[in-house]
Protein backbone atom coordinates (compact mmCIF):
# COMPACT_ATOMS: atom_id res chain seq x y z
CA UNK A 1 -24.76 -6.42 20.83
CA UNK A 2 -24.48 -4.37 24.01
CA UNK A 3 -21.71 -1.79 23.89
CA UNK A 4 -18.98 -1.97 26.52
CA UNK A 5 -18.62 1.48 28.08
CA UNK A 6 -15.06 2.03 29.22
CA UNK A 7 -13.05 5.14 29.99
CA UNK A 8 -11.20 6.78 27.06
CA UNK A 9 -7.97 6.48 29.06
CA UNK A 10 -8.42 2.72 29.05
CA UNK A 11 -8.79 2.80 25.27
CA UNK A 12 -5.66 4.96 24.97
CA UNK A 13 -3.74 2.42 27.07
CA UNK A 14 -4.95 -0.46 24.86
CA UNK A 15 -4.04 1.43 21.68
CA UNK A 16 -0.59 2.27 23.08
CA UNK A 17 0.05 -1.39 23.98
CA UNK A 18 -1.08 -2.75 20.61
CA UNK A 19 0.82 -0.14 18.59
CA UNK A 20 4.00 -0.64 20.64
CA UNK A 21 3.87 -4.42 20.26
CA UNK A 22 3.24 -4.01 16.53
CA UNK A 23 6.35 -1.85 16.16
CA UNK A 24 8.57 -4.06 18.34
CA UNK A 25 7.94 -7.47 16.77
CA UNK A 26 9.21 -8.45 13.35
CA UNK A 27 8.10 -12.06 12.79
CA UNK A 28 4.90 -12.56 10.83
CA UNK A 29 3.21 -14.89 13.34
CA UNK A 30 3.47 -12.37 16.18
CA UNK A 31 2.18 -9.55 13.97
CA UNK A 32 -0.78 -11.66 12.81
CA UNK A 33 -1.67 -12.46 16.43
CA UNK A 34 -1.45 -8.79 17.45
CA UNK A 35 -3.60 -7.76 14.48
CA UNK A 36 -6.18 -10.43 15.32
CA UNK A 37 -6.38 -9.24 18.93
CA UNK A 38 -6.77 -5.63 17.76
CA UNK A 39 -9.62 -6.62 15.43
CA UNK A 40 -11.39 -8.57 18.20
CA UNK A 41 -11.11 -5.63 20.61
CA UNK A 42 -12.39 -3.19 17.97
CA UNK A 43 -15.39 -5.43 17.27
CA UNK A 44 -16.05 -5.98 21.00
CA UNK A 45 -16.26 -2.22 21.53
CA UNK A 46 -18.79 -1.86 18.67
CA UNK A 47 -16.49 0.41 16.69
CA UNK A 48 -17.09 1.39 13.06
CA UNK A 49 -14.54 -1.19 12.00
CA UNK A 50 -16.28 -2.37 8.83
CA UNK A 51 -16.97 1.15 7.55
CA UNK A 52 -13.39 2.27 8.25
CA UNK A 53 -11.96 -0.74 6.43
CA UNK A 54 -14.24 -0.10 3.44
CA UNK A 55 -12.98 3.49 3.27
CA UNK A 56 -9.37 2.28 3.33
CA UNK A 57 -9.87 0.40 0.05
CA UNK A 58 -8.84 3.58 -1.76
CA UNK A 59 -5.47 3.48 0.03
CA UNK A 60 -4.93 -0.24 -0.58
CA UNK A 61 -3.21 0.37 -3.90
CA UNK A 62 -0.84 2.93 -2.39
CA UNK A 63 0.00 0.59 0.50
CA UNK A 64 0.75 -2.26 -1.91
CA UNK A 65 2.94 -0.02 -4.09
CA UNK A 66 4.97 1.09 -1.05
CA UNK A 67 5.32 -2.52 0.08
CA UNK A 68 6.46 -3.67 -3.38
CA UNK A 69 9.01 -0.83 -3.68
CA UNK A 70 10.34 -1.68 -0.23
CA UNK A 71 10.67 -5.36 -1.13
CA UNK A 72 12.46 -4.57 -4.41
CA UNK A 73 15.25 -2.65 -2.66
CA UNK A 74 15.94 -5.55 -0.27
CA UNK A 75 18.49 -7.83 -1.95
CA UNK A 76 18.86 -10.38 0.86
CA UNK A 77 17.50 -13.91 0.55
CA UNK A 78 16.66 -16.13 -2.40
CA UNK A 79 15.58 -14.58 -5.67
CA UNK A 80 11.90 -15.01 -6.54
CA UNK A 81 11.72 -12.74 -9.60
CA UNK A 82 14.84 -11.87 -11.57
CA UNK A 83 15.72 -10.14 -14.81
CA UNK A 84 18.79 -11.88 -16.14
CA UNK A 85 21.41 -11.69 -13.40
CA UNK A 86 19.58 -8.89 -11.58
CA UNK A 87 17.34 -9.96 -8.71
CA UNK A 88 14.13 -7.91 -8.64
CA UNK A 89 12.32 -9.62 -5.78
CA UNK A 90 13.51 -11.91 -3.00
CA UNK A 91 11.71 -14.02 -0.40
CA UNK A 92 13.03 -11.83 2.43
CA UNK A 93 11.88 -8.74 0.54
CA UNK A 94 8.37 -10.20 0.35
CA UNK A 95 8.47 -10.96 4.09
CA UNK A 96 9.57 -7.39 4.88
CA UNK A 97 6.78 -6.00 2.72
CA UNK A 98 4.25 -8.23 4.49
CA UNK A 99 5.60 -7.04 7.86
CA UNK A 100 5.11 -3.44 6.75
CA UNK A 101 1.49 -4.09 5.75
CA UNK A 102 0.73 -5.92 9.01
CA UNK A 103 2.28 -3.14 11.13
CA UNK A 104 0.31 -0.51 9.28
CA UNK A 105 -2.91 -2.50 9.71
CA UNK A 106 -2.24 -2.89 13.46
CA UNK A 107 -1.87 0.88 13.87
CA UNK A 108 -4.98 1.57 11.77
CA UNK A 109 -7.15 -1.00 13.57
CA UNK A 110 -5.88 0.22 16.94
CA UNK A 111 -6.84 3.78 16.08
CA UNK A 112 -10.33 2.54 15.17
CA UNK A 113 -10.79 1.66 18.86
CA UNK A 114 -10.65 5.37 19.68
CA UNK A 115 -13.57 6.10 17.36
CA UNK A 116 -15.91 4.65 20.00
CA UNK A 117 -15.29 7.84 22.01
CA UNK A 118 -15.94 11.41 20.93
CA UNK A 119 -13.06 13.79 20.26
CA UNK A 120 -14.05 15.79 23.34
CA UNK A 121 -13.76 12.69 25.54
CA UNK A 122 -10.34 11.86 24.09
CA UNK A 123 -9.12 15.41 24.71
CA UNK A 124 -10.47 15.36 28.27
CA UNK A 125 -8.71 12.04 28.84
CA UNK A 126 -5.41 13.52 27.64
CA UNK A 127 -5.87 16.54 29.92
CA UNK A 128 -6.56 14.35 32.96
CA UNK A 129 -3.49 12.28 32.05
CA UNK A 130 -1.35 15.41 32.44
CA UNK A 131 -1.20 16.81 28.91
CA UNK A 132 -1.19 20.66 28.97
CA UNK A 133 -4.57 22.10 28.07
CA UNK A 134 -3.13 24.26 25.28
CA UNK A 135 -1.76 21.21 23.45
CA UNK A 136 -4.97 19.25 23.98
CA UNK A 137 -7.00 22.18 22.68
CA UNK A 138 -4.75 22.42 19.63
CA UNK A 139 -5.33 18.72 18.89
CA UNK A 140 -9.08 19.20 19.32
CA UNK A 141 -9.15 22.14 16.90
CA UNK A 142 -7.10 20.17 14.37
CA UNK A 143 -9.58 17.30 14.50
CA UNK A 144 -12.51 19.65 14.00
CA UNK A 145 -10.82 21.43 11.09
CA UNK A 146 -10.29 18.24 9.06
CA UNK A 147 -13.95 17.87 7.98
CA UNK A 148 -13.95 21.54 6.95
CA UNK A 149 -10.93 20.97 4.69
CA UNK A 150 -12.68 17.96 3.18
CA UNK A 151 -15.87 19.93 2.51
CA UNK A 152 -13.97 22.84 0.94
CA UNK A 153 -12.01 20.47 -1.28
CA UNK A 154 -15.20 18.74 -2.37
CA UNK A 155 -16.88 22.08 -3.17
CA UNK A 156 -13.93 23.17 -5.30
CA UNK A 157 -13.88 19.89 -7.20
CA UNK A 158 -17.62 20.25 -7.86
CA UNK A 159 -17.00 23.82 -9.10
CA UNK A 160 -14.40 22.48 -11.54
CA UNK A 161 -16.81 19.82 -12.76
CA UNK A 162 -19.47 22.47 -13.38
CA UNK A 163 -16.93 24.24 -15.58
CA UNK A 164 -16.53 21.07 -17.63
CA UNK A 165 -13.28 19.81 -16.07
CA UNK A 166 -13.40 16.11 -15.21
CA UNK A 167 -10.43 15.19 -13.02
CA UNK A 168 -10.87 11.50 -13.83
CA UNK A 169 -10.27 12.05 -17.54
CA UNK A 170 -7.33 14.48 -17.57
CA UNK A 171 -3.68 13.42 -17.54
CA UNK A 172 -1.76 12.90 -14.31
CA UNK A 173 0.45 15.96 -14.85
CA UNK A 174 -2.56 18.21 -15.44
CA UNK A 175 -4.34 16.67 -12.45
CA UNK A 176 -1.39 17.46 -10.17
CA UNK A 177 -1.29 21.04 -11.45
CA UNK A 178 -5.03 21.39 -10.83
CA UNK A 179 -4.69 20.20 -7.24
CA UNK A 180 -1.75 22.58 -6.83
CA UNK A 181 -3.94 25.51 -7.84
CA UNK A 182 -6.67 24.33 -5.45
CA UNK A 183 -4.29 24.36 -2.48
CA UNK A 184 -3.89 28.15 -2.57
CA UNK A 185 -7.54 29.10 -1.85
CA UNK A 186 -7.84 26.29 0.70
CA UNK A 187 -4.74 27.58 2.51
CA UNK A 188 -6.05 31.16 2.39
CA UNK A 189 -9.41 30.08 3.83
CA UNK A 190 -7.62 28.15 6.57
CA UNK A 191 -5.62 31.23 7.58
CA UNK A 192 -8.80 33.33 7.68
CA UNK A 193 -10.57 30.73 9.83
CA UNK A 194 -7.57 30.58 12.18
CA UNK A 195 -7.59 34.37 12.59
CA UNK A 196 -11.33 34.41 13.30
CA UNK A 197 -10.90 31.61 15.82
CA UNK A 198 -8.01 33.41 17.54
CA UNK A 199 -10.10 36.60 17.80
CA UNK A 200 -13.04 34.67 19.26
CA UNK A 201 -10.75 32.97 21.80
CA UNK A 202 -9.29 36.30 22.90
CA UNK A 203 -12.78 37.75 23.34
CA UNK A 204 -13.65 34.81 25.58
CA UNK A 205 -10.49 35.36 27.68
CA UNK A 206 -8.77 32.15 26.69
CA UNK A 207 -5.83 31.41 29.06
CA UNK A 208 -6.91 34.21 31.39
CA UNK A 209 -6.38 31.80 34.29
CA UNK A 210 -3.54 29.27 34.67
CA UNK A 211 -5.96 26.39 35.22
CA UNK A 212 -9.27 25.59 33.55
CA UNK A 213 -12.16 23.68 35.04
CA UNK A 214 -14.10 21.09 33.05
CA UNK A 215 -17.82 20.48 33.12
CA UNK A 216 -17.35 16.78 32.40
CA UNK A 217 -14.82 14.87 34.51
CA UNK A 218 -13.93 11.33 33.47
CA UNK A 219 -13.95 8.69 36.18
CA UNK A 220 -12.49 5.22 35.83
CA UNK A 221 -14.57 2.30 37.11
CA UNK A 222 -13.60 -1.17 38.26
CA UNK A 223 -14.02 -2.51 34.74
CA UNK A 224 -11.41 -0.02 33.49
CA UNK A 225 -8.82 -1.09 36.05
CA UNK A 226 -9.63 -4.73 35.31
CA UNK A 227 -9.19 -4.26 31.55
CA UNK A 228 -5.91 -2.37 31.98
CA UNK A 229 -4.58 -5.07 34.33
CA UNK A 230 -5.58 -7.85 31.94
CA UNK A 231 -4.03 -5.94 29.02
CA UNK A 232 -0.72 -5.48 30.84
CA UNK A 233 -0.62 -9.12 31.93
CA UNK A 234 -1.51 -10.24 28.41
CA UNK A 235 1.18 -8.03 26.86
CA UNK A 236 3.80 -9.26 29.34
CA UNK A 237 2.82 -12.90 28.72
CA UNK A 238 3.02 -12.33 24.97
CA UNK A 239 6.51 -10.85 25.32
CA UNK A 240 7.67 -13.83 27.41
CA UNK A 241 6.23 -16.43 25.01
CA UNK A 242 7.31 -14.79 21.76
């Protein structure tokens, strides 16, 4: 399937529209339609949708637990599960929990659309949209630091396993304490990396001039304006109908 090349600013506009609609609407039908549109757009842009969803399986249990807890504390509606005279779960509580899951899925799927562009392209798009370069650079550095944190955490877990400590077999309390002890060296390494980065930036005269030039300048084509126009018309039509 041929990939549709569109400007990152167009993708940001689509993500903003989908996420906003997902937060505004409360009825299940509207949320299902928005989620379906988000999935179709993500697939049309040849995003890593399937791989991202497979990685989210680990968070599925946490999402369901949050949804169930939220539904339990909602006492409105007809009782579905009760313990004596105490209502544990109501039909409205189940609907609210389903709304929460659908909203979260809309935001996640919408963010997958941005994975079709590199982090540098997204940052450049934000800069050309008027975001100060310092903030955009901070976001870029944060994105690049995340894989480093993951690698350091993995290395420390492997070091524990080499010492005969299996995190899957120890109790939850001991596991939490172990992760607590791991946070200290990770935090220390992060501070050292930040200092080294700050020194390197000063040596390269970062912020020596009020404005910075960019080697790569993003340019929107006719297809970008067409997609943004169709998206706005579609969002407005959806608001009128629903």
